[in-house]
Amino acid sequence: MARADLDKQPTDVRRMFDAVARRYDLTNDVLSLGQDRRWRRDVLSAVDPQPGERVLDLAAGTGTSSLPFAERGAVVVPCDFSLGMLQVGKQARPQLPFTAGDGTRLPFADGTFDAVTISFGLRNIVDPAAGLRELRRVTRPGGRLVVCEFSAPTNAAFRTVYLEYLMKALPAIARAVSSSPDAYVYLAESIRAWPDQAALAAMIGAAGWQRPQWRNLSGGIVALHRATA
């Protein structure tokens, strides 16, 4: 996939993630300078899973983000549309019930989950608004949504430096550590094109979620959005 635009094709995105699956977790750790670990802890705190609760972790990839929910005693379902990611994840974490699913047509009944979460995957769904509506459908009344996604740094000077890193340094670093470095050109462009914090909150509200709010992480590089069903 050469460009990140509104016409991204699911088959292209799936093929891209299949290609990066083998070294995906390592590459993320390097490119984020280790901050991805802190972001996962923030997601876990925001979801606040209770023992026995059913949690959907959409765009779970290899299940790195799902394991902490299981360790808290929740029944977590890691779901992704990349079979390559699921295969790598199942080898590493065979105890988790990995499930293949399209974010716009989830293979779950209405009101299945107490909480749903998606980290760094909403922007890769062909229709993010439809994905948010589908997440709402599978969440019980009063259930919780947590979206962790790249966003707009709040400091203008830092934002300029950050965009330079995204478009120049990120692909260069990916060439050294990733199993498919060209994919990170797409990822950098998709981050740059993504709505800012307020625009995403509005999109969440339009999808039927109540009281959307957000908290900036790492100076707004990432934003953690929360809402209730």
Protein backbone atom coordinates (compact mmCIF):
# COMPACT_ATOMS: atom_id res chain seq x y z
CA MET A 1 0.00 0.00 0.00
CA ALA A 2 1.65 3.20 -1.19
CA ARG A 3 -0.53 5.91 0.29
CA ALA A 4 -2.70 6.28 3.38
CA ASP A 5 -6.00 7.61 2.16
CA LEU A 6 -9.72 7.16 2.64
CA ASP A 7 -9.80 4.49 -0.07
CA LYS A 8 -7.54 2.01 1.73
CA GLN A 9 -8.52 -1.51 0.74
CA PRO A 10 -8.96 -4.15 3.47
CA THR A 11 -7.07 -6.76 1.47
CA ASP A 12 -4.09 -4.41 1.11
CA VAL A 13 -4.06 -3.55 4.80
CA ARG A 14 -4.41 -7.24 5.74
CA ARG A 15 -1.51 -8.17 3.47
CA MET A 16 0.59 -5.40 4.97
CA PHE A 17 0.05 -6.61 8.54
CA ASP A 18 0.64 -10.23 7.54
CA ALA A 19 4.03 -9.09 6.22
CA VAL A 20 5.08 -7.23 9.40
CA ALA A 21 3.74 -9.82 11.87
CA ARG A 22 6.99 -11.67 12.51
CA ARG A 23 8.83 -8.69 14.04
CA TYR A 24 5.86 -6.44 14.78
CA ASP A 25 6.24 -6.22 18.55
CA LEU A 26 9.98 -5.60 18.37
CA THR A 27 9.57 -2.91 15.71
CA ASN A 28 6.89 -1.11 17.74
CA ASP A 29 9.09 -1.12 20.81
CA VAL A 30 12.00 0.40 18.88
CA LEU A 31 9.99 2.99 16.96
CA SER A 32 8.14 4.21 20.07
CA LEU A 33 11.36 4.31 22.11
CA GLY A 34 9.71 1.89 24.54
CA GLN A 35 6.72 4.11 25.21
CA ASP A 36 4.32 1.50 23.80
CA ARG A 37 4.68 -0.38 27.08
CA ARG A 38 3.50 2.63 29.06
CA TRP A 39 0.61 3.15 26.63
CA ARG A 40 -0.52 -0.45 27.15
CA ARG A 41 -0.51 0.11 30.91
CA ASP A 42 -2.62 3.23 30.43
CA VAL A 43 -5.12 1.27 28.32
CA LEU A 44 -5.31 -1.42 30.99
CA SER A 45 -6.03 1.17 33.67
CA ALA A 46 -8.68 2.88 31.52
CA VAL A 47 -10.50 -0.37 30.76
CA ASP A 48 -10.15 -1.47 34.41
CA PRO A 49 -11.13 -5.09 33.70
CA GLN A 50 -12.76 -6.99 36.54
CA PRO A 51 -12.47 -10.75 37.06
CA GLY A 52 -14.96 -12.57 34.85
CA GLU A 53 -15.74 -9.58 32.64
CA ARG A 54 -15.77 -10.16 28.89
CA VAL A 55 -13.35 -7.87 27.05
CA LEU A 56 -12.92 -7.54 23.30
CA ASP A 57 -9.44 -6.45 22.22
CA LEU A 58 -9.92 -5.48 18.58
CA ALA A 59 -6.90 -5.15 16.28
CA ALA A 60 -5.08 -7.17 18.91
CA GLY A 61 -2.37 -8.32 16.52
CA THR A 62 -0.15 -10.84 18.28
CA GLY A 63 -2.00 -10.47 21.59
CA THR A 64 0.60 -8.37 23.40
CA SER A 65 -2.15 -5.92 24.37
CA SER A 66 -4.57 -8.71 25.34
CA LEU A 67 -2.47 -10.63 27.84
CA PRO A 68 -2.71 -8.03 30.66
CA PHE A 69 -6.53 -8.31 30.60
CA ALA A 70 -6.31 -12.07 31.03
CA GLU A 71 -3.81 -11.63 33.86
CA ARG A 72 -6.41 -9.46 35.63
CA GLY A 73 -8.93 -12.32 35.41
CA ALA A 74 -11.02 -11.02 32.53
CA VAL A 75 -12.20 -13.22 29.68
CA VAL A 76 -10.43 -11.45 26.82
CA VAL A 77 -10.95 -12.16 23.12
CA PRO A 78 -8.06 -10.95 20.93
CA CYS A 79 -9.56 -10.22 17.49
CA ASP A 80 -7.74 -9.21 14.32
CA PHE A 81 -8.27 -9.50 10.57
CA SER A 82 -4.63 -10.37 9.84
CA LEU A 83 -4.18 -14.12 9.88
CA GLY A 84 -0.42 -13.61 9.94
CA MET A 85 -0.70 -11.65 13.18
CA LEU A 86 -3.02 -14.26 14.69
CA GLN A 87 -0.67 -17.10 13.79
CA VAL A 88 2.32 -15.38 15.39
CA GLY A 89 0.21 -14.55 18.43
CA LYS A 90 -1.14 -18.08 18.84
CA GLN A 91 2.38 -19.49 18.79
CA ALA A 92 3.50 -17.07 21.49
CA ARG A 93 0.34 -17.06 23.62
CA PRO A 94 -1.58 -20.32 22.96
CA GLN A 95 -3.79 -19.80 26.01
CA LEU A 96 -5.60 -16.82 24.42
CA PRO A 97 -8.70 -17.39 22.21
CA PHE A 98 -7.48 -15.56 19.08
CA THR A 99 -10.35 -14.82 16.69
CA ALA A 100 -10.31 -13.64 13.09
CA GLY A 101 -12.70 -10.77 12.43
CA ASP A 102 -13.33 -7.70 10.28
CA GLY A 103 -13.78 -4.54 12.35
CA THR A 104 -16.83 -3.54 10.30
CA ARG A 105 -18.51 -6.97 10.61
CA LEU A 106 -17.55 -8.48 13.95
CA PRO A 107 -18.39 -12.17 14.48
CA PHE A 108 -20.11 -11.59 17.83
CA ALA A 109 -23.71 -11.22 18.97
CA ASP A 110 -25.18 -7.92 20.17
CA GLY A 111 -24.21 -6.96 23.72
CA THR A 112 -21.57 -9.67 24.13
CA PHE A 113 -18.87 -7.66 25.90
CA ASP A 114 -18.58 -5.63 29.10
CA ALA A 115 -15.73 -3.60 27.58
CA VAL A 116 -14.24 -3.16 24.12
CA THR A 117 -10.90 -1.65 23.26
CA ILE A 118 -8.79 -0.98 20.20
CA SER A 119 -5.21 0.29 20.23
CA PHE A 120 -3.56 1.74 17.14
CA GLY A 121 -5.99 -0.05 14.87
CA LEU A 122 -9.02 2.17 14.37
CA ARG A 123 -7.33 4.23 11.68
CA ASN A 124 -6.61 1.04 9.70
CA ILE A 125 -10.28 0.01 9.49
CA VAL A 126 -11.60 0.82 6.02
CA ASP A 127 -14.50 2.76 7.60
CA PRO A 128 -13.56 3.84 11.16
CA ALA A 129 -17.05 5.24 11.86
CA ALA A 130 -18.59 1.88 10.91
CA GLY A 131 -16.02 0.19 13.15
CA LEU A 132 -17.08 2.34 16.09
CA ARG A 133 -20.74 1.52 15.45
CA GLU A 134 -19.91 -2.17 15.30
CA LEU A 135 -18.02 -1.95 18.59
CA ARG A 136 -21.08 -0.26 20.06
CA ARG A 137 -23.30 -3.10 18.80
CA VAL A 138 -21.32 -5.84 20.54
CA THR A 139 -21.08 -3.92 23.85
CA ARG A 140 -23.72 -4.38 26.56
CA PRO A 141 -25.67 -1.32 27.74
CA GLY A 142 -23.47 0.61 30.13
CA GLY A 143 -20.34 -1.10 28.83
CA ARG A 144 -17.06 0.68 28.18
CA LEU A 145 -15.06 1.74 25.13
CA VAL A 146 -11.37 2.61 25.21
CA VAL A 147 -9.59 3.75 22.04
CA CYS A 148 -5.84 4.31 22.10
CA GLU A 149 -4.67 5.96 18.90
CA PHE A 150 -2.02 8.28 17.56
CA SER A 151 -3.13 11.90 17.68
CA ALA A 152 -1.93 15.51 17.40
CA PRO A 153 0.87 16.72 19.72
CA THR A 154 -0.38 19.72 21.68
CA ASN A 155 2.83 21.78 21.38
CA ALA A 156 3.21 23.36 17.93
CA ALA A 157 7.01 23.24 17.90
CA PHE A 158 7.07 19.64 19.04
CA ARG A 159 4.40 18.76 16.48
CA THR A 160 6.73 19.94 13.69
CA VAL A 161 9.59 17.81 15.01
CA TYR A 162 7.27 14.84 15.44
CA LEU A 163 6.00 15.01 11.85
CA GLU A 164 9.59 15.15 10.61
CA TYR A 165 10.31 12.00 12.62
CA LEU A 166 7.25 10.26 11.24
CA MET A 167 7.95 10.95 7.60
CA LYS A 168 11.75 10.63 7.60
CA ALA A 169 13.23 8.85 10.58
CA LEU A 170 10.48 6.28 11.17
CA PRO A 171 10.76 4.55 7.76
CA ALA A 172 14.55 4.60 8.02
CA ILE A 173 14.52 2.94 11.45
CA ALA A 174 11.91 0.43 10.24
CA ARG A 175 14.26 -0.65 7.45
CA ALA A 176 16.73 -1.77 10.10
CA VAL A 177 14.36 -3.73 12.35
CA SER A 178 11.11 -4.57 10.53
CA SER A 179 10.32 -7.64 8.44
CA SER A 180 8.48 -5.36 5.96
CA PRO A 181 9.81 -1.78 6.22
CA ASP A 182 7.76 -0.40 3.33
CA ALA A 183 4.63 -0.90 5.42
CA TYR A 184 5.84 1.76 7.83
CA VAL A 185 5.67 4.40 5.13
CA TYR A 186 1.93 3.72 4.99
CA LEU A 187 1.71 3.73 8.79
CA ALA A 188 3.48 7.08 9.04
CA GLU A 189 1.13 8.60 6.47
CA SER A 190 -1.94 7.13 8.17
CA ILE A 191 -0.90 8.73 11.46
CA ARG A 192 -0.39 12.13 9.82
CA ALA A 193 -3.81 11.95 8.13
CA TRP A 194 -5.72 10.84 11.25
CA PRO A 195 -8.24 13.22 12.98
CA ASP A 196 -7.12 15.07 16.09
CA GLN A 197 -8.45 14.48 19.60
CA ALA A 198 -11.64 16.54 19.35
CA ALA A 199 -12.52 15.21 15.90
CA LEU A 200 -12.17 11.61 17.05
CA ALA A 201 -14.30 12.31 20.12
CA ALA A 202 -16.99 13.70 17.81
CA MET A 203 -16.76 10.58 15.64
CA ILE A 204 -17.17 8.37 18.70
CA GLY A 205 -20.24 10.31 19.81
CA ALA A 206 -21.76 10.13 16.33
CA ALA A 207 -21.38 6.34 16.44
CA GLY A 208 -23.75 6.16 19.41
CA TRP A 209 -21.34 6.21 22.34
CA GLN A 210 -22.09 8.37 25.36
CA ARG A 211 -19.89 11.00 27.04
CA PRO A 212 -16.74 10.63 24.93
CA GLN A 213 -13.67 12.15 26.54
CA TRP A 214 -9.93 11.90 26.05
CA ARG A 215 -6.61 12.13 27.83
CA ASN A 216 -3.37 12.99 26.08
CA LEU A 217 -0.37 10.69 26.48
CA SER A 218 3.22 11.62 25.64
CA GLY A 219 2.30 15.22 24.87
CA GLY A 220 -0.52 14.27 22.53
CA ILE A 221 1.45 11.84 20.37
CA VAL A 222 -1.19 9.40 21.57
CA ALA A 223 -4.67 10.07 22.92
CA LEU A 224 -6.74 7.75 25.07
CA HIS A 225 -10.46 8.14 24.31
CA ARG A 226 -13.14 6.71 26.59
CA ALA A 227 -16.93 6.43 26.29
CA THR A 228 -19.83 4.32 27.51
CA ALA A 229 -22.54 2.40 25.68
